[in-house]
Amino acid sequence: MVSVNGETVSSPDQLIALIRSHRPGDEVTFGVLRGGSGSAQNVTVTLAEQSSGADDIGD
């Protein structure tokens, strides 16, 4: 992932912080690189509640 809602992501910690700044039900557009080369493609998703057992992701 190279961006969240158009904001460039420069580290895994920044990616986590950007995702956590949104709430379940928010639409978020991620810029992603497939295969590590070429131009980014945008993928828009609707965030859901965090599942049980996922609390330690990114910690």
PDB file of N, CA and C in Angstrom:
ATOM      1  N   MET A   1       0.843  -1.159   0.000  1.00  0.00           N
ATOM      2  CA  MET A   1       0.000   0.000   0.000  1.00  0.00           C
ATOM      3  C   MET A   1       0.891   1.225   0.000  1.00  0.00           C
ATOM      4  N   VAL A   2       0.553   2.136  -0.875  1.00  0.00           N
ATOM      5  CA  VAL A   2       1.387   3.325  -1.003  1.00  0.00           C
ATOM      6  C   VAL A   2       0.672   4.598  -0.578  1.00  0.00           C
ATOM      7  N   SER A   3      -0.672   4.519  -0.412  1.00  0.00           N
ATOM      8  CA  SER A   3      -1.406   5.702   0.033  1.00  0.00           C
ATOM      9  C   SER A   3      -2.736   5.313   0.668  1.00  0.00           C
ATOM     10  N   VAL A   4      -3.237   6.227   1.486  1.00  0.00           N
ATOM     11  CA  VAL A   4      -4.564   6.103   2.088  1.00  0.00           C
ATOM     12  C   VAL A   4      -5.271   7.426   1.854  1.00  0.00           C
ATOM     13  N   ASN A   5      -6.368   7.386   1.124  1.00  0.00           N
ATOM     14  CA  ASN A   5      -7.116   8.593   0.761  1.00  0.00           C
ATOM     15  C   ASN A   5      -6.205   9.673   0.176  1.00  0.00           C
ATOM     16  N   GLY A   6      -5.268   9.245  -0.636  1.00  0.00           N
ATOM     17  CA  GLY A   6      -4.379  10.171  -1.323  1.00  0.00           C
ATOM     18  C   GLY A   6      -3.158  10.599  -0.536  1.00  0.00           C
ATOM     19  N   GLU A   7      -3.070  10.231   0.742  1.00  0.00           N
ATOM     20  CA  GLU A   7      -1.910  10.575   1.562  1.00  0.00           C
ATOM     21  C   GLU A   7      -0.869   9.469   1.446  1.00  0.00           C
ATOM     22  N   THR A   8       0.339   9.836   1.044  1.00  0.00           N
ATOM     23  CA  THR A   8       1.414   8.869   0.854  1.00  0.00           C
ATOM     24  C   THR A   8       1.757   8.182   2.164  1.00  0.00           C
ATOM     25  N   VAL A   9       1.931   6.868   2.101  1.00  0.00           N
ATOM     26  CA  VAL A   9       2.312   6.069   3.264  1.00  0.00           C
ATOM     27  C   VAL A   9       3.802   5.785   3.170  1.00  0.00           C
ATOM     28  N   SER A  10       4.542   6.144   4.226  1.00  0.00           N
ATOM     29  CA  SER A  10       5.992   5.958   4.186  1.00  0.00           C
ATOM     30  C   SER A  10       6.493   4.882   5.146  1.00  0.00           C
ATOM     31  N   SER A  11       5.585   4.333   5.986  1.00  0.00           N
ATOM     32  CA  SER A  11       6.014   3.288   6.917  1.00  0.00           C
ATOM     33  C   SER A  11       4.798   2.465   7.347  1.00  0.00           C
ATOM     34  N   PRO A  12       5.051   1.251   7.825  1.00  0.00           N
ATOM     35  CA  PRO A  12       3.935   0.438   8.334  1.00  0.00           C
ATOM     36  C   PRO A  12       3.189   1.117   9.489  1.00  0.00           C
ATOM     37  N   ASP A  13       3.927   1.785  10.367  1.00  0.00           N
ATOM     38  CA  ASP A  13       3.288   2.477  11.494  1.00  0.00           C
ATOM     39  C   ASP A  13       2.356   3.582  11.011  1.00  0.00           C
ATOM     40  N   GLN A  14       2.773   4.296   9.969  1.00  0.00           N
ATOM     41  CA  GLN A  14       1.921   5.348   9.426  1.00  0.00           C
ATOM     42  C   GLN A  14       0.665   4.751   8.799  1.00  0.00           C
ATOM     43  N   LEU A  15       0.804   3.623   8.113  1.00  0.00           N
ATOM     44  CA  LEU A  15      -0.353   2.958   7.525  1.00  0.00           C
ATOM     45  C   LEU A  15      -1.358   2.590   8.611  1.00  0.00           C
ATOM     46  N   ILE A  16      -0.885   1.994   9.702  1.00  0.00           N
ATOM     47  CA  ILE A  16      -1.761   1.614  10.806  1.00  0.00           C
ATOM     48  C   ILE A  16      -2.458   2.839  11.388  1.00  0.00           C
ATOM     49  N   ALA A  17      -1.698   3.913  11.600  1.00  0.00           N
ATOM     50  CA  ALA A  17      -2.283   5.132  12.168  1.00  0.00           C
ATOM     51  C   ALA A  17      -3.356   5.713  11.252  1.00  0.00           C
ATOM     52  N   LEU A  18      -3.114   5.699   9.943  1.00  0.00           N
ATOM     53  CA  LEU A  18      -4.097   6.238   9.009  1.00  0.00           C
ATOM     54  C   LEU A  18      -5.372   5.404   9.000  1.00  0.00           C
ATOM     55  N   ILE A  19      -5.225   4.094   9.060  1.00  0.00           N
ATOM     56  CA  ILE A  19      -6.409   3.231   9.099  1.00  0.00           C
ATOM     57  C   ILE A  19      -7.162   3.440  10.408  1.00  0.00           C
ATOM     58  N   ARG A  20      -6.441   3.510  11.503  1.00  0.00           N
ATOM     59  CA  ARG A  20      -7.090   3.677  12.817  1.00  0.00           C
ATOM     60  C   ARG A  20      -7.760   5.034  12.976  1.00  0.00           C
ATOM     61  N   SER A  21      -7.426   6.005  12.127  1.00  0.00           N
ATOM     62  CA  SER A  21      -8.059   7.330  12.215  1.00  0.00           C
ATOM     63  C   SER A  21      -9.467   7.320  11.627  1.00  0.00           C
ATOM     64  N   HIS A  22      -9.880   6.185  11.074  1.00  0.00           N
ATOM     65  CA  HIS A  22     -11.215   6.039  10.496  1.00  0.00           C
ATOM     66  C   HIS A  22     -12.066   5.135  11.374  1.00  0.00           C
ATOM     67  N   ARG A  23     -13.365   5.180  11.122  1.00  0.00           N
ATOM     68  CA  ARG A  23     -14.318   4.392  11.901  1.00  0.00           C
ATOM     69  C   ARG A  23     -14.949   3.324  11.018  1.00  0.00           C
ATOM     70  N   PRO A  24     -15.484   2.264  11.639  1.00  0.00           N
ATOM     71  CA  PRO A  24     -16.231   1.278  10.860  1.00  0.00           C
ATOM     72  C   PRO A  24     -17.350   1.974  10.073  1.00  0.00           C
ATOM     73  N   GLY A  25     -17.496   1.560   8.830  1.00  0.00           N
ATOM     74  CA  GLY A  25     -18.491   2.165   7.945  1.00  0.00           C
ATOM     75  C   GLY A  25     -17.912   3.236   7.034  1.00  0.00           C
ATOM     76  N   ASP A  26     -16.722   3.757   7.364  1.00  0.00           N
ATOM     77  CA  ASP A  26     -16.065   4.755   6.509  1.00  0.00           C
ATOM     78  C   ASP A  26     -15.574   4.096   5.224  1.00  0.00           C
ATOM     79  N   GLU A  27     -15.687   4.811   4.119  1.00  0.00           N
ATOM     80  CA  GLU A  27     -15.065   4.373   2.873  1.00  0.00           C
ATOM     81  C   GLU A  27     -13.657   4.944   2.820  1.00  0.00           C
ATOM     82  N   VAL A  28     -12.695   4.089   2.534  1.00  0.00           N
ATOM     83  CA  VAL A  28     -11.288   4.475   2.480  1.00  0.00           C
ATOM     84  C   VAL A  28     -10.727   3.996   1.151  1.00  0.00           C
ATOM     85  N   THR A  29      -9.948   4.868   0.496  1.00  0.00           N
ATOM     86  CA  THR A  29      -9.323   4.501  -0.770  1.00  0.00           C
ATOM     87  C   THR A  29      -7.838   4.256  -0.538  1.00  0.00           C
ATOM     88  N   PHE A  30      -7.415   3.049  -0.856  1.00  0.00           N
ATOM     89  CA  PHE A  30      -6.013   2.665  -0.735  1.00  0.00           C
ATOM     90  C   PHE A  30      -5.367   2.696  -2.112  1.00  0.00           C
ATOM     91  N   GLY A  31      -4.162   3.247  -2.194  1.00  0.00           N
ATOM     92  CA  GLY A  31      -3.346   3.140  -3.390  1.00  0.00           C
ATOM     93  C   GLY A  31      -2.456   1.927  -3.220  1.00  0.00           C
ATOM     94  N   VAL A  32      -2.521   0.996  -4.155  1.00  0.00           N
ATOM     95  CA  VAL A  32      -1.748  -0.244  -4.034  1.00  0.00           C
ATOM     96  C   VAL A  32      -0.911  -0.478  -5.280  1.00  0.00           C
ATOM     97  N   LEU A  33       0.248  -1.097  -5.070  1.00  0.00           N
ATOM     98  CA  LEU A  33       1.100  -1.532  -6.173  1.00  0.00           C
ATOM     99  C   LEU A  33       1.002  -3.044  -6.259  1.00  0.00           C
ATOM    100  N   ARG A  34       0.704  -3.537  -7.430  1.00  0.00           N
ATOM    101  CA  ARG A  34       0.642  -4.990  -7.630  1.00  0.00           C
ATOM    102  C   ARG A  34       1.965  -5.445  -8.224  1.00  0.00           C
ATOM    103  N   GLY A  35       2.593  -6.403  -7.580  1.00  0.00           N
ATOM    104  CA  GLY A  35       3.857  -6.919  -8.066  1.00  0.00           C
ATOM    105  C   GLY A  35       5.027  -5.999  -7.804  1.00  0.00           C
ATOM    106  N   GLY A  36       4.818  -4.914  -7.058  1.00  0.00           N
ATOM    107  CA  GLY A  36       5.901  -4.019  -6.678  1.00  0.00           C
ATOM    108  C   GLY A  36       6.387  -3.077  -7.759  1.00  0.00           C
ATOM    109  N   SER A  37       5.728  -3.059  -8.907  1.00  0.00           N
ATOM    110  CA  SER A  37       6.174  -2.140  -9.954  1.00  0.00           C
ATOM    111  C   SER A  37       4.963  -1.552 -10.662  1.00  0.00           C
ATOM    112  N   GLY A  38       5.224  -0.566 -11.472  1.00  0.00           N
ATOM    113  CA  GLY A  38       4.141   0.078 -12.200  1.00  0.00           C
ATOM    114  C   GLY A  38       3.501   1.176 -11.387  1.00  0.00           C
ATOM    115  N   SER A  39       2.370   1.651 -11.866  1.00  0.00           N
ATOM    116  CA  SER A  39       1.697   2.741 -11.180  1.00  0.00           C
ATOM    117  C   SER A  39       0.678   2.186 -10.189  1.00  0.00           C
ATOM    118  N   ALA A  40       0.390   2.983  -9.187  1.00  0.00           N
ATOM    119  CA  ALA A  40      -0.554   2.576  -8.151  1.00  0.00           C
ATOM    120  C   ALA A  40      -1.965   2.521  -8.712  1.00  0.00           C
ATOM    121  N   GLN A  41      -2.727   1.565  -8.228  1.00  0.00           N
ATOM    122  CA  GLN A  41      -4.146   1.459  -8.547  1.00  0.00           C
ATOM    123  C   GLN A  41      -4.916   1.734  -7.270  1.00  0.00           C
ATOM    124  N   ASN A  42      -6.036   2.439  -7.398  1.00  0.00           N
ATOM    125  CA  ASN A  42      -6.854   2.743  -6.231  1.00  0.00           C
ATOM    126  C   ASN A  42      -7.894   1.663  -6.006  1.00  0.00           C
ATOM    127  N   VAL A  43      -8.050   1.300  -4.737  1.00  0.00           N
ATOM    128  CA  VAL A  43      -9.056   0.336  -4.320  1.00  0.00           C
ATOM    129  C   VAL A  43      -9.826   0.981  -3.174  1.00  0.00           C
ATOM    130  N   THR A  44     -11.144   1.106  -3.327  1.00  0.00           N
ATOM    131  CA  THR A  44     -11.965   1.702  -2.279  1.00  0.00           C
ATOM    132  C   THR A  44     -12.684   0.598  -1.519  1.00  0.00           C
ATOM    133  N   VAL A  45     -12.593   0.662  -0.193  1.00  0.00           N
ATOM    134  CA  VAL A  45     -13.223  -0.330   0.670  1.00  0.00           C
ATOM    135  C   VAL A  45     -14.054   0.371   1.737  1.00  0.00           C
ATOM    136  N   THR A  46     -15.001  -0.362   2.302  1.00  0.00           N
ATOM    137  CA  THR A  46     -15.749   0.113   3.456  1.00  0.00           C
ATOM    138  C   THR A  46     -15.228  -0.634   4.675  1.00  0.00           C
ATOM    139  N   LEU A  47     -14.768   0.105   5.664  1.00  0.00           N
ATOM    140  CA  LEU A  47     -14.180  -0.515   6.842  1.00  0.00           C
ATOM    141  C   LEU A  47     -15.253  -1.180   7.695  1.00  0.00           C
ATOM    142  N   ALA A  48     -14.881  -2.295   8.312  1.00  0.00           N
ATOM    143  CA  ALA A  48     -15.772  -3.040   9.195  1.00  0.00           C
ATOM    144  C   ALA A  48     -15.207  -2.999  10.610  1.00  0.00           C
ATOM    145  N   GLU A  49     -15.970  -3.549  11.536  1.00  0.00           N
ATOM    146  CA  GLU A  49     -15.493  -3.672  12.915  1.00  0.00           C
ATOM    147  C   GLU A  49     -14.264  -4.566  12.945  1.00  0.00           C
ATOM    148  N   GLN A  50     -13.353  -4.298  13.881  1.00  0.00           N
ATOM    149  CA  GLN A  50     -12.182  -5.143  14.057  1.00  0.00           C
ATOM    150  C   GLN A  50     -12.620  -6.461  14.659  1.00  0.00           C
ATOM    151  N   SER A  51     -12.153  -7.564  14.084  1.00  0.00           N
ATOM    152  CA  SER A  51     -12.550  -8.875  14.585  1.00  0.00           C
ATOM    153  C   SER A  51     -11.825  -9.215  15.879  1.00  0.00           C
ATOM    154  N   SER A  52     -12.421 -10.099  16.642  1.00  0.00           N
ATOM    155  CA  SER A  52     -11.827 -10.558  17.885  1.00  0.00           C
ATOM    156  C   SER A  52     -10.489 -11.238  17.600  1.00  0.00           C
ATOM    157  N   GLY A  53      -9.498 -10.960  18.422  1.00  0.00           N
ATOM    158  CA  GLY A  53      -8.179 -11.561  18.236  1.00  0.00           C
ATOM    159  C   GLY A  53      -7.257 -10.739  17.374  1.00  0.00           C
ATOM    160  N   ALA A  54      -7.765  -9.650  16.797  1.00  0.00           N
ATOM    161  CA  ALA A  54      -6.935  -8.812  15.928  1.00  0.00           C
ATOM    162  C   ALA A  54      -6.384  -7.608  16.668  1.00  0.00           C
ATOM    163  N   ASP A  55      -6.612  -7.527  17.977  1.00  0.00           N
ATOM    164  CA  ASP A  55      -6.198  -6.366  18.760  1.00  0.00           C
ATOM    165  C   ASP A  55      -4.700  -6.137  18.740  1.00  0.00           C
ATOM    166  N   ASP A  56      -3.908  -7.181  18.591  1.00  0.00           N
ATOM    167  CA  ASP A  56      -2.455  -7.022  18.667  1.00  0.00           C
ATOM    168  C   ASP A  56      -1.804  -6.782  17.318  1.00  0.00           C
ATOM    169  N   ILE A  57      -2.572  -6.659  16.262  1.00  0.00           N
ATOM    170  CA  ILE A  57      -1.993  -6.372  14.941  1.00  0.00           C
ATOM    171  C   ILE A  57      -1.400  -4.974  14.967  1.00  0.00           C
ATOM    172  N   GLY A  58      -0.146  -4.870  14.597  1.00  0.00           N
ATOM    173  CA  GLY A  58       0.527  -3.585  14.548  1.00  0.00           C
ATOM    174  C   GLY A  58       1.098  -3.134  15.863  1.00  0.00           C
ATOM    175  N   ASP A  59       0.927  -3.902  16.913  1.00  0.00           N
ATOM    176  CA  ASP A  59       1.484  -3.516  18.210  1.00  0.00           C
ATOM    177  C   ASP A  59       2.831  -4.142  18.429  1.00  0.00           C
TER     178      ASP A  59
END
